[in-house]
C-alpha atoms as a PDB file:
ATOM      1  CA  MET A   1     -80.677-106.662 -13.121  1.00  0.00           C
ATOM      2  CA  LYS A   2     -79.411-105.533  -9.701  1.00  0.00           C
ATOM      3  CA  THR A   3     -79.568-101.887 -10.814  1.00  0.00           C
ATOM      4  CA  LEU A   4     -83.133-102.355 -12.029  1.00  0.00           C
ATOM      5  CA  LEU A   5     -84.133-103.927  -8.692  1.00  0.00           C
ATOM      6  CA  ILE A   6     -82.586-101.092  -6.650  1.00  0.00           C
ATOM      7  CA  ARG A   7     -84.210 -98.512  -8.919  1.00  0.00           C
ATOM      8  CA  SER A   8     -87.597-100.233  -8.603  1.00  0.00           C
ATOM      9  CA  LEU A   9     -87.483-100.510  -4.790  1.00  0.00           C
ATOM     10  CA  THR A  10     -86.337 -96.907  -4.380  1.00  0.00           C
ATOM     11  CA  GLY A  11     -89.011 -95.730  -6.788  1.00  0.00           C
ATOM     12  CA  LEU A  12     -91.653 -97.655  -4.834  1.00  0.00           C
ATOM     13  CA  PHE A  13     -90.545 -96.093  -1.538  1.00  0.00           C
ATOM     14  CA  PHE A  14     -90.458 -92.602  -3.045  1.00  0.00           C
ATOM     15  CA  ALA A  15     -93.870 -93.030  -4.691  1.00  0.00           C
ATOM     16  CA  SER A  16     -95.344 -94.248  -1.396  1.00  0.00           C
ATOM     17  CA  ALA A  17     -94.025 -91.168   0.437  1.00  0.00           C
ATOM     18  CA  VAL A  18     -95.369 -88.779  -2.206  1.00  0.00           C
ATOM     19  CA  ILE A  19     -98.782 -90.410  -2.646  1.00  0.00           C
ATOM     20  CA  GLY A  20     -99.145 -90.985   1.107  1.00  0.00           C
ATOM     21  CA  SER A  21     -98.643 -87.285   1.812  1.00  0.00           C
ATOM     22  CA  ILE A  22    -101.175 -86.387  -0.899  1.00  0.00           C
ATOM     23  CA  LEU A  23    -103.802 -88.732   0.534  1.00  0.00           C
ATOM     24  CA  PHE A  24    -103.399 -87.298   4.036  1.00  0.00           C
ATOM     25  CA  GLY A  25    -104.395 -83.853   2.770  1.00  0.00           C
ATOM     26  CA  GLN A  26    -103.031 -80.550   1.618  1.00  0.00           C
ATOM     27  CA  ILE A  27    -101.144 -79.562   4.785  1.00  0.00           C
ATOM     28  CA  PRO A  28     -99.289 -82.914   5.182  1.00  0.00           C
ATOM     29  CA  GLN A  29     -98.503 -82.765   1.470  1.00  0.00           C
ATOM     30  CA  ALA A  30     -97.227 -79.192   1.842  1.00  0.00           C
ATOM     31  CA  MET A  31     -94.961 -80.279   4.715  1.00  0.00           C
ATOM     32  CA  VAL A  32     -93.507 -83.288   2.865  1.00  0.00           C
ATOM     33  CA  PHE A  33     -93.036 -81.266  -0.311  1.00  0.00           C
ATOM     34  CA  GLY A  34     -91.441 -78.526   1.827  1.00  0.00           C
ATOM     35  CA  ILE A  35     -88.775 -81.051   2.856  1.00  0.00           C
ATOM     36  CA  PHE A  36     -88.250 -81.857  -0.820  1.00  0.00           C
ATOM     37  CA  VAL A  37     -87.946 -78.126  -1.532  1.00  0.00           C
ATOM     38  CA  VAL A  38     -85.173 -77.693   1.053  1.00  0.00           C
ATOM     39  CA  ILE A  39     -83.248 -80.728  -0.235  1.00  0.00           C
ATOM     40  CA  GLY A  40     -83.775 -79.698  -3.863  1.00  0.00           C
ATOM     41  CA  LEU A  41     -82.585 -76.134  -3.198  1.00  0.00           C
ATOM     42  CA  HIS A  42     -79.517 -77.498  -1.422  1.00  0.00           C
ATOM     43  CA  GLU A  43     -78.742 -79.651  -4.467  1.00  0.00           C
ATOM     44  CA  PHE A  44     -79.398 -76.756  -6.835  1.00  0.00           C
ATOM     45  CA  PHE A  45     -77.100 -74.263  -5.119  1.00  0.00           C
ATOM     46  CA  THR A  46     -74.464 -76.936  -4.441  1.00  0.00           C
ATOM     47  CA  HIS A  47     -74.059 -77.844  -8.088  1.00  0.00           C
ATOM     48  CA  PHE A  48     -75.374 -74.960 -10.172  1.00  0.00           C
ATOM     49  CA  SER A  49     -74.162 -71.896  -8.260  1.00  0.00           C
ATOM     50  CA  ASN A  50     -70.590 -70.684  -8.632  1.00  0.00           C
ATOM     51  CA  ASN A  51     -70.709 -68.922  -5.288  1.00  0.00           C
ATOM     52  CA  LYS A  52     -70.262 -71.368  -2.387  1.00  0.00           C
ATOM     53  CA  LYS A  53     -69.771 -68.665   0.257  1.00  0.00           C
ATOM     54  CA  PRO A  54     -71.781 -69.954   3.275  1.00  0.00           C
ATOM     55  CA  SER A  55     -73.606 -66.654   3.876  1.00  0.00           C
ATOM     56  CA  ILE A  56     -74.870 -66.579   0.294  1.00  0.00           C
ATOM     57  CA  PHE A  57     -75.423 -70.344  -0.001  1.00  0.00           C
ATOM     58  CA  TYR A  58     -77.633 -70.677   3.083  1.00  0.00           C
ATOM     59  CA  THR A  59     -79.358 -67.322   2.593  1.00  0.00           C
ATOM     60  CA  SER A  60     -80.407 -68.476  -0.870  1.00  0.00           C
ATOM     61  CA  ILE A  61     -81.855 -71.728   0.501  1.00  0.00           C
ATOM     62  CA  VAL A  62     -83.738 -69.880   3.265  1.00  0.00           C
ATOM     63  CA  VAL A  63     -85.159 -67.343   0.807  1.00  0.00           C
ATOM     64  CA  GLY A  64     -86.262 -70.146  -1.552  1.00  0.00           C
ATOM     65  CA  LEU A  65     -87.984 -71.951   1.331  1.00  0.00           C
ATOM     66  CA  LEU A  66     -89.659 -68.724   2.495  1.00  0.00           C
ATOM     67  CA  CYS A  67     -91.017 -68.214  -1.029  1.00  0.00           C
ATOM     68  CA  TYR A  68     -92.538 -71.702  -0.858  1.00  0.00           C
ATOM     69  CA  ILE A  69     -94.023 -71.063   2.602  1.00  0.00           C
ATOM     70  CA  ILE A  70     -95.564 -67.775   1.451  1.00  0.00           C
ATOM     71  CA  LEU A  71     -97.224 -69.526  -1.485  1.00  0.00           C
ATOM     72  CA  ILE A  72     -98.534 -72.284   0.807  1.00  0.00           C
ATOM     73  CA  LEU A  73     -99.876 -69.746   3.331  1.00  0.00           C
ATOM     74  CA  ASP A  74    -101.770 -68.072   0.497  1.00  0.00           C
ATOM     75  CA  ILE A  75    -103.546 -71.415  -0.103  1.00  0.00           C
ATOM     76  CA  ILE A  76    -104.185 -72.275   3.547  1.00  0.00           C
ATOM     77  CA  CYS A  77    -105.476 -68.813   4.459  1.00  0.00           C
ATOM     78  CA  ASP A  78    -107.582 -68.682   1.284  1.00  0.00           C
ATOM     79  CA  SER A  79    -106.059 -65.297   0.371  1.00  0.00           C
ATOM     80  CA  ARG A  80    -107.605 -63.568   3.389  1.00  0.00           C
ATOM     81  CA  PHE A  81    -104.232 -61.864   3.710  1.00  0.00           C
ATOM     82  CA  PRO A  82    -102.382 -60.837   0.516  1.00  0.00           C
ATOM     83  CA  PHE A  83     -99.399 -63.151   1.063  1.00  0.00           C
ATOM     84  CA  LEU A  84     -98.474 -63.038  -2.619  1.00  0.00           C
ATOM     85  CA  ILE A  85     -97.584 -59.367  -2.230  1.00  0.00           C
ATOM     86  CA  ILE A  86     -94.817 -60.445   0.153  1.00  0.00           C
ATOM     87  CA  LEU A  87     -93.284 -62.679  -2.506  1.00  0.00           C
ATOM     88  CA  PRO A  88     -91.827 -60.054  -4.885  1.00  0.00           C
ATOM     89  CA  ALA A  89     -90.900 -57.948  -1.848  1.00  0.00           C
ATOM     90  CA  LEU A  90     -88.910 -60.886  -0.428  1.00  0.00           C
ATOM     91  CA  LEU A  91     -87.101 -61.533  -3.701  1.00  0.00           C
ATOM     92  CA  LEU A  92     -86.285 -57.838  -4.078  1.00  0.00           C
ATOM     93  CA  LEU A  93     -85.086 -57.744  -0.468  1.00  0.00           C
ATOM     94  CA  TYR A  94     -82.773 -60.664  -1.242  1.00  0.00           C
ATOM     95  CA  SER A  95     -81.400 -58.605  -4.130  1.00  0.00           C
ATOM     96  CA  ALA A  96     -80.766 -55.680  -1.794  1.00  0.00           C
ATOM     97  CA  ILE A  97     -79.040 -57.937   0.751  1.00  0.00           C
ATOM     98  CA  GLN A  98     -76.284 -58.390  -1.823  1.00  0.00           C
ATOM     99  CA  LEU A  99     -75.009 -55.013  -0.600  1.00  0.00           C
ATOM    100  CA  TRP A 100     -73.913 -56.706   2.643  1.00  0.00           C
ATOM    101  CA  LEU A 101     -73.071 -60.215   1.426  1.00  0.00           C
ATOM    102  CA  LYS A 102     -70.024 -58.903  -0.461  1.00  0.00           C
ATOM    103  CA  SER A 103     -70.449 -61.286  -3.361  1.00  0.00           C
ATOM    104  CA  ALA A 104     -68.093 -61.087  -6.313  1.00  0.00           C
ATOM    105  CA  SER A 105     -70.968 -61.980  -8.668  1.00  0.00           C
ATOM    106  CA  PRO A 106     -74.174 -60.395  -7.270  1.00  0.00           C
ATOM    107  CA  ILE A 107     -76.079 -60.509 -10.572  1.00  0.00           C
ATOM    108  CA  GLN A 108     -75.441 -64.259 -10.917  1.00  0.00           C
ATOM    109  CA  ASP A 109     -76.466 -64.865  -7.291  1.00  0.00           C
ATOM    110  CA  ILE A 110     -79.708 -62.942  -7.780  1.00  0.00           C
ATOM    111  CA  GLY A 111     -80.342 -64.740 -11.068  1.00  0.00           C
ATOM    112  CA  ASN A 112     -79.813 -68.107  -9.373  1.00  0.00           C
ATOM    113  CA  ILE A 113     -82.500 -67.520  -6.738  1.00  0.00           C
ATOM    114  CA  PHE A 114     -84.980 -66.244  -9.331  1.00  0.00           C
ATOM    115  CA  PHE A 115     -84.308 -69.245 -11.566  1.00  0.00           C
ATOM    116  CA  ALA A 116     -84.495 -71.683  -8.637  1.00  0.00           C
ATOM    117  CA  PHE A 117     -87.880 -70.178  -7.757  1.00  0.00           C
ATOM    118  CA  GLY A 118     -89.293 -70.489 -11.281  1.00  0.00           C
ATOM    119  CA  TYR A 119     -87.684 -73.831 -12.081  1.00  0.00           C
ATOM    120  CA  PHE A 120     -88.290 -75.718  -8.830  1.00  0.00           C
ATOM    121  CA  VAL A 121     -90.056 -73.884  -5.987  1.00  0.00           C
ATOM    122  CA  PHE A 122     -93.110 -72.630  -7.899  1.00  0.00           C
ATOM    123  CA  PRO A 123     -93.830 -75.983  -9.647  1.00  0.00           C
ATOM    124  CA  MET A 124     -93.625 -77.753  -6.268  1.00  0.00           C
ATOM    125  CA  TYR A 125     -96.192 -75.292  -4.936  1.00  0.00           C
ATOM    126  CA  LEU A 126     -98.456 -76.059  -7.917  1.00  0.00           C
ATOM    127  CA  PHE A 127     -98.661 -79.706  -6.856  1.00  0.00           C
ATOM    128  CA  VAL A 128     -99.927 -78.639  -3.428  1.00  0.00           C
ATOM    129  CA  HIS A 129    -102.281 -76.092  -4.986  1.00  0.00           C
ATOM    130  CA  LEU A 130    -103.754 -78.854  -7.145  1.00  0.00           C
ATOM    131  CA  ASN A 131    -104.862 -80.664  -3.973  1.00  0.00           C
ATOM    132  CA  ALA A 132    -107.159 -77.796  -2.946  1.00  0.00           C
ATOM    133  CA  ASN A 133    -110.420 -79.656  -3.560  1.00  0.00           C
ATOM    134  CA  GLU A 134    -110.784 -82.202  -0.743  1.00  0.00           C
ATOM    135  CA  TYR A 135    -113.038 -84.425  -2.903  1.00  0.00           C
ATOM    136  CA  THR A 136    -111.248 -84.524  -6.271  1.00  0.00           C
ATOM    137  CA  GLY A 137    -107.966 -82.647  -5.771  1.00  0.00           C
ATOM    138  CA  TYR A 138    -105.974 -85.560  -4.373  1.00  0.00           C
ATOM    139  CA  LYS A 139    -107.143 -87.790  -7.242  1.00  0.00           C
ATOM    140  CA  GLU A 140    -105.968 -85.210  -9.760  1.00  0.00           C
ATOM    141  CA  VAL A 141    -102.503 -84.934  -8.181  1.00  0.00           C
ATOM    142  CA  ILE A 142    -102.142 -88.729  -7.993  1.00  0.00           C
ATOM    143  CA  ALA A 143    -103.315 -89.086 -11.603  1.00  0.00           C
ATOM    144  CA  LEU A 144    -100.736 -86.552 -12.727  1.00  0.00           C
ATOM    145  CA  PHE A 145     -97.937 -88.412 -10.948  1.00  0.00           C
ATOM    146  CA  ILE A 146     -99.175 -91.739 -12.356  1.00  0.00           C
ATOM    147  CA  LEU A 147     -98.873 -90.360 -15.893  1.00  0.00           C
ATOM    148  CA  ILE A 148     -95.389 -88.956 -15.251  1.00  0.00           C
ATOM    149  CA  TRP A 149     -94.079 -92.073 -13.518  1.00  0.00           C
ATOM    150  CA  THR A 150     -95.646 -94.425 -16.059  1.00  0.00           C
ATOM    151  CA  ASN A 151     -93.987 -92.506 -18.857  1.00  0.00           C
ATOM    152  CA  ASP A 152     -90.637 -92.554 -17.045  1.00  0.00           C
ATOM    153  CA  SER A 153     -90.789 -96.245 -16.087  1.00  0.00           C
ATOM    154  CA  LEU A 154     -91.957 -97.577 -19.457  1.00  0.00           C
ATOM    155  CA  ALA A 155     -89.521 -95.346 -21.337  1.00  0.00           C
ATOM    156  CA  TYR A 156     -86.725 -96.825 -19.206  1.00  0.00           C
ATOM    157  CA  LEU A 157     -87.929-100.427 -19.651  1.00  0.00           C
ATOM    158  CA  THR A 158     -88.665-100.111 -23.374  1.00  0.00           C
ATOM    159  CA  GLY A 159     -85.320 -98.454 -24.003  1.00  0.00           C
ATOM    160  CA  TRP A 160     -83.548-101.116 -21.947  1.00  0.00           C
ATOM    161  CA  LEU A 161     -85.244-103.946 -23.854  1.00  0.00           C
ATOM    162  CA  ILE A 162     -85.341-102.753 -27.475  1.00  0.00           C
ATOM    163  CA  GLY A 163     -83.806 -99.284 -27.595  1.00  0.00           C
ATOM    164  CA  LYS A 164     -81.390 -98.711 -30.487  1.00  0.00           C
ATOM    165  CA  ASN A 165     -81.910 -95.243 -31.962  1.00  0.00           C
ATOM    166  CA  LYS A 166     -80.604 -92.455 -29.726  1.00  0.00           C
ATOM    167  CA  LEU A 167     -82.978 -89.627 -28.880  1.00  0.00           C
ATOM    168  CA  PHE A 168     -80.527 -86.940 -27.767  1.00  0.00           C
ATOM    169  CA  GLU A 169     -77.133 -88.616 -27.480  1.00  0.00           C
ATOM    170  CA  ARG A 170     -75.202 -85.409 -26.772  1.00  0.00           C
ATOM    171  CA  ILE A 171     -77.214 -84.806 -23.584  1.00  0.00           C
ATOM    172  CA  SER A 172     -78.506 -88.231 -22.526  1.00  0.00           C
ATOM    173  CA  PRO A 173     -76.766 -91.160 -24.286  1.00  0.00           C
ATOM    174  CA  LYS A 174     -79.066 -93.835 -22.821  1.00  0.00           C
ATOM    175  CA  LYS A 175     -82.362 -92.332 -24.012  1.00  0.00           C
ATOM    176  CA  THR A 176     -83.752 -93.786 -27.239  1.00  0.00           C
ATOM    177  CA  TRP A 177     -86.632 -93.087 -29.598  1.00  0.00           C
ATOM    178  CA  GLU A 178     -88.022 -96.533 -28.873  1.00  0.00           C
ATOM    179  CA  GLY A 179     -88.039 -95.782 -25.147  1.00  0.00           C
ATOM    180  CA  THR A 180     -89.613 -92.378 -25.737  1.00  0.00           C
ATOM    181  CA  ILE A 181     -92.435 -93.826 -27.835  1.00  0.00           C
ATOM    182  CA  GLY A 182     -92.946 -96.658 -25.345  1.00  0.00           C
ATOM    183  CA  GLY A 183     -93.192 -94.150 -22.489  1.00  0.00           C
ATOM    184  CA  ILE A 184     -95.729 -91.976 -24.309  1.00  0.00           C
ATOM    185  CA  LEU A 185     -97.907 -94.951 -25.306  1.00  0.00           C
ATOM    186  CA  GLY A 186     -97.740 -96.245 -21.737  1.00  0.00           C
ATOM    187  CA  ALA A 187     -98.809 -92.851 -20.396  1.00  0.00           C
ATOM    188  CA  VAL A 188    -101.759 -92.740 -22.835  1.00  0.00           C
ATOM    189  CA  LEU A 189    -102.847 -96.198 -21.654  1.00  0.00           C
ATOM    190  CA  ALA A 190    -102.489 -95.043 -18.038  1.00  0.00           C
ATOM    191  CA  GLY A 191    -104.634 -91.991 -18.878  1.00  0.00           C
ATOM    192  CA  TYR A 192    -107.314 -94.268 -20.295  1.00  0.00           C
ATOM    193  CA  LEU A 193    -107.304 -96.398 -17.130  1.00  0.00           C
ATOM    194  CA  ILE A 194    -107.357 -93.314 -14.892  1.00  0.00           C
ATOM    195  CA  GLY A 195    -110.467 -92.154 -16.729  1.00  0.00           C
ATOM    196  CA  ILE A 196    -112.154 -95.490 -16.016  1.00  0.00           C
ATOM    197  CA  TYR A 197    -111.121 -96.401 -12.468  1.00  0.00           C
ATOM    198  CA  LEU A 198    -109.760 -93.317 -10.658  1.00  0.00           C
ATOM    199  CA  MET A 199    -111.862 -90.535 -12.160  1.00  0.00           C
ATOM    200  CA  PRO A 200    -114.711 -92.220 -14.096  1.00  0.00           C
ATOM    201  CA  ASN A 201    -115.903 -90.885 -17.459  1.00  0.00           C
ATOM    202  CA  THR A 202    -112.801 -88.758 -18.042  1.00  0.00           C
ATOM    203  CA  SER A 203    -110.723 -91.079 -20.241  1.00  0.00           C
ATOM    204  CA  ILE A 204    -110.504 -88.693 -23.217  1.00  0.00           C
ATOM    205  CA  TYR A 205    -109.424 -85.843 -20.935  1.00  0.00           C
ATOM    206  CA  TRP A 206    -106.650 -87.884 -19.304  1.00  0.00           C
ATOM    207  CA  MET A 207    -105.479 -89.443 -22.571  1.00  0.00           C
ATOM    208  CA  ILE A 208    -105.015 -85.944 -23.996  1.00  0.00           C
ATOM    209  CA  CYS A 209    -103.270 -85.016 -20.736  1.00  0.00           C
ATOM    210  CA  ALA A 210    -100.881 -87.916 -21.309  1.00  0.00           C
ATOM    211  CA  ILE A 211    -100.115 -86.773 -24.857  1.00  0.00           C
ATOM    212  CA  ILE A 212     -99.234 -83.319 -23.464  1.00  0.00           C
ATOM    213  CA  ILE A 213     -97.527 -84.345 -20.234  1.00  0.00           C
ATOM    214  CA  ALA A 214     -95.331 -87.204 -21.502  1.00  0.00           C
ATOM    215  CA  PRO A 215     -93.295 -85.061 -23.968  1.00  0.00           C
ATOM    216  CA  CYS A 216     -93.042 -82.307 -21.330  1.00  0.00           C
ATOM    217  CA  ALA A 217     -91.746 -84.856 -18.824  1.00  0.00           C
ATOM    218  CA  ILE A 218     -89.140 -86.016 -21.341  1.00  0.00           C
ATOM    219  CA  LEU A 219     -88.053 -82.412 -21.964  1.00  0.00           C
ATOM    220  CA  GLY A 220     -87.781 -81.852 -18.215  1.00  0.00           C
ATOM    221  CA  ASP A 221     -85.560 -84.905 -17.898  1.00  0.00           C
ATOM    222  CA  LEU A 222     -83.357 -83.728 -20.769  1.00  0.00           C
ATOM    223  CA  LEU A 223     -83.121 -80.217 -19.333  1.00  0.00           C
ATOM    224  CA  GLU A 224     -81.914 -81.562 -15.980  1.00  0.00           C
ATOM    225  CA  SER A 225     -79.389 -83.728 -17.867  1.00  0.00           C
ATOM    226  CA  LEU A 226     -78.184 -80.621 -19.697  1.00  0.00           C
ATOM    227  CA  PHE A 227     -77.654 -78.811 -16.384  1.00  0.00           C
ATOM    228  CA  LYS A 228     -75.741 -81.756 -14.907  1.00  0.00           C
ATOM    229  CA  ARG A 229     -73.536 -82.133 -17.972  1.00  0.00           C
ATOM    230  CA  SER A 230     -72.701 -78.436 -17.825  1.00  0.00           C
ATOM    231  CA  VAL A 231     -71.134 -78.954 -14.378  1.00  0.00           C
ATOM    232  CA  ASN A 232     -69.905 -82.505 -15.070  1.00  0.00           C
ATOM    233  CA  ILE A 233     -71.968 -84.452 -12.521  1.00  0.00           C
ATOM    234  CA  LYS A 234     -73.994 -87.648 -12.926  1.00  0.00           C
ATOM    235  CA  ASP A 235     -76.682 -87.039 -10.276  1.00  0.00           C
ATOM    236  CA  SER A 236     -77.898 -83.969  -8.405  1.00  0.00           C
ATOM    237  CA  GLY A 237     -77.630 -85.934  -5.152  1.00  0.00           C
ATOM    238  CA  ASN A 238     -77.494 -89.423  -3.641  1.00  0.00           C
ATOM    239  CA  LEU A 239     -80.632 -89.388  -1.508  1.00  0.00           C
ATOM    240  CA  LEU A 240     -82.424 -91.987  -3.653  1.00  0.00           C
ATOM    241  CA  PRO A 241     -80.269 -94.963  -4.747  1.00  0.00           C
ATOM    242  CA  GLY A 242     -80.797 -95.663  -8.428  1.00  0.00           C
ATOM    243  CA  HIS A 243     -82.527 -92.319  -8.931  1.00  0.00           C
ATOM    244  CA  GLY A 244     -80.068 -89.720  -7.642  1.00  0.00           C
ATOM    245  CA  GLY A 245     -81.307 -86.659  -5.800  1.00  0.00           C
ATOM    246  CA  VAL A 246     -84.582 -84.803  -5.409  1.00  0.00           C
ATOM    247  CA  LEU A 247     -83.979 -82.717  -8.527  1.00  0.00           C
ATOM    248  CA  ASP A 248     -83.346 -85.914 -10.492  1.00  0.00           C
ATOM    249  CA  ARG A 249     -86.602 -87.447  -9.266  1.00  0.00           C
ATOM    250  CA  PHE A 250     -88.748 -84.359  -9.823  1.00  0.00           C
ATOM    251  CA  ASP A 251     -87.130 -83.124 -13.056  1.00  0.00           C
ATOM    252  CA  ALA A 252     -89.955 -84.447 -15.256  1.00  0.00           C
ATOM    253  CA  ALA A 253     -92.750 -83.458 -12.866  1.00  0.00           C
ATOM    254  CA  ILE A 254     -91.687 -79.837 -12.311  1.00  0.00           C
ATOM    255  CA  PHE A 255     -91.472 -79.276 -16.059  1.00  0.00           C
ATOM    256  CA  ALA A 256     -94.786 -80.976 -16.811  1.00  0.00           C
ATOM    257  CA  ILE A 257     -97.087 -79.439 -14.209  1.00  0.00           C
ATOM    258  CA  PRO A 258     -97.172 -75.851 -15.594  1.00  0.00           C
ATOM    259  CA  PHE A 259     -98.259 -77.278 -18.949  1.00  0.00           C
ATOM    260  CA  TYR A 260    -100.883 -79.381 -17.192  1.00  0.00           C
ATOM    261  CA  PHE A 261    -102.327 -76.229 -15.612  1.00  0.00           C
ATOM    262  CA  LEU A 262    -102.281 -74.555 -19.021  1.00  0.00           C
ATOM    263  CA  TRP A 263    -104.148 -77.532 -20.526  1.00  0.00           C
ATOM    264  CA  THR A 264    -106.793 -77.517 -17.773  1.00  0.00           C
ATOM    265  CA  HIS A 265    -107.566 -73.844 -18.379  1.00  0.00           C
ATOM    266  CA  ILE A 266    -107.754 -74.402 -22.145  1.00  0.00           C
ATOM    267  CA  TYR A 267    -110.048 -77.386 -21.555  1.00  0.00           C
ATOM    268  CA  GLU A 268    -112.376 -75.256 -19.403  1.00  0.00           C
ATOM    269  CA  VAL A 269    -112.694 -72.713 -22.229  1.00  0.00           C
ATOM    270  CA  ILE A 270    -113.381 -75.249 -24.985  1.00  0.00           C
END
């Protein structure tokens, strides 16, 4: 019970920080998410990179943050300057810097920064990009987080109460099929309510979103668990008691949001 209370209070604080930044607008959100990016990159290179040489470790974090800033500048400046052209140039420059960093595993170091960009930095940018419309954007970002967090919370509670059949015991022993189904059904209900109260007359859209996003969120959680098991750690960090680190808290969201963007573009066509 104590663990559940700590997890709930930490989750409430974290949710307030995320939603508060979204409500204040795109730039405040970009700044708060930028802090998350720095912490997440630090966790990523601490645990998932074999090379702990300070010059490589901190250069990788700086390059990851610069990639995020470039993407944000492209939004803020409304593409009046081709910032996105700088992005591949920066990543290629980082590759060339390996000539001076004297790494014993340059290919792995380059691969790490490219993976960190695709796995964490770019999805975090997508959340800020989603808040582009000052009238509906913030509602869409909040709705997306509501679906992800509802799925996560109800999967945890359902599994804790009635979970018996393991979902993926080799990777995550505590996850159950009962919890998974409970999380998905909870997300669908949340989608229905979003379509009534937050964004009226869009219930079908958000219920379908829930059916897509909830399994993606579960896969994101399992993928992060796979990474942690590969290096024999329980949490990516200890920033959030009961939840672990930033990567632990965003694992479902960063996996789900690319599929949400894919769904929105498919929905526009049909």
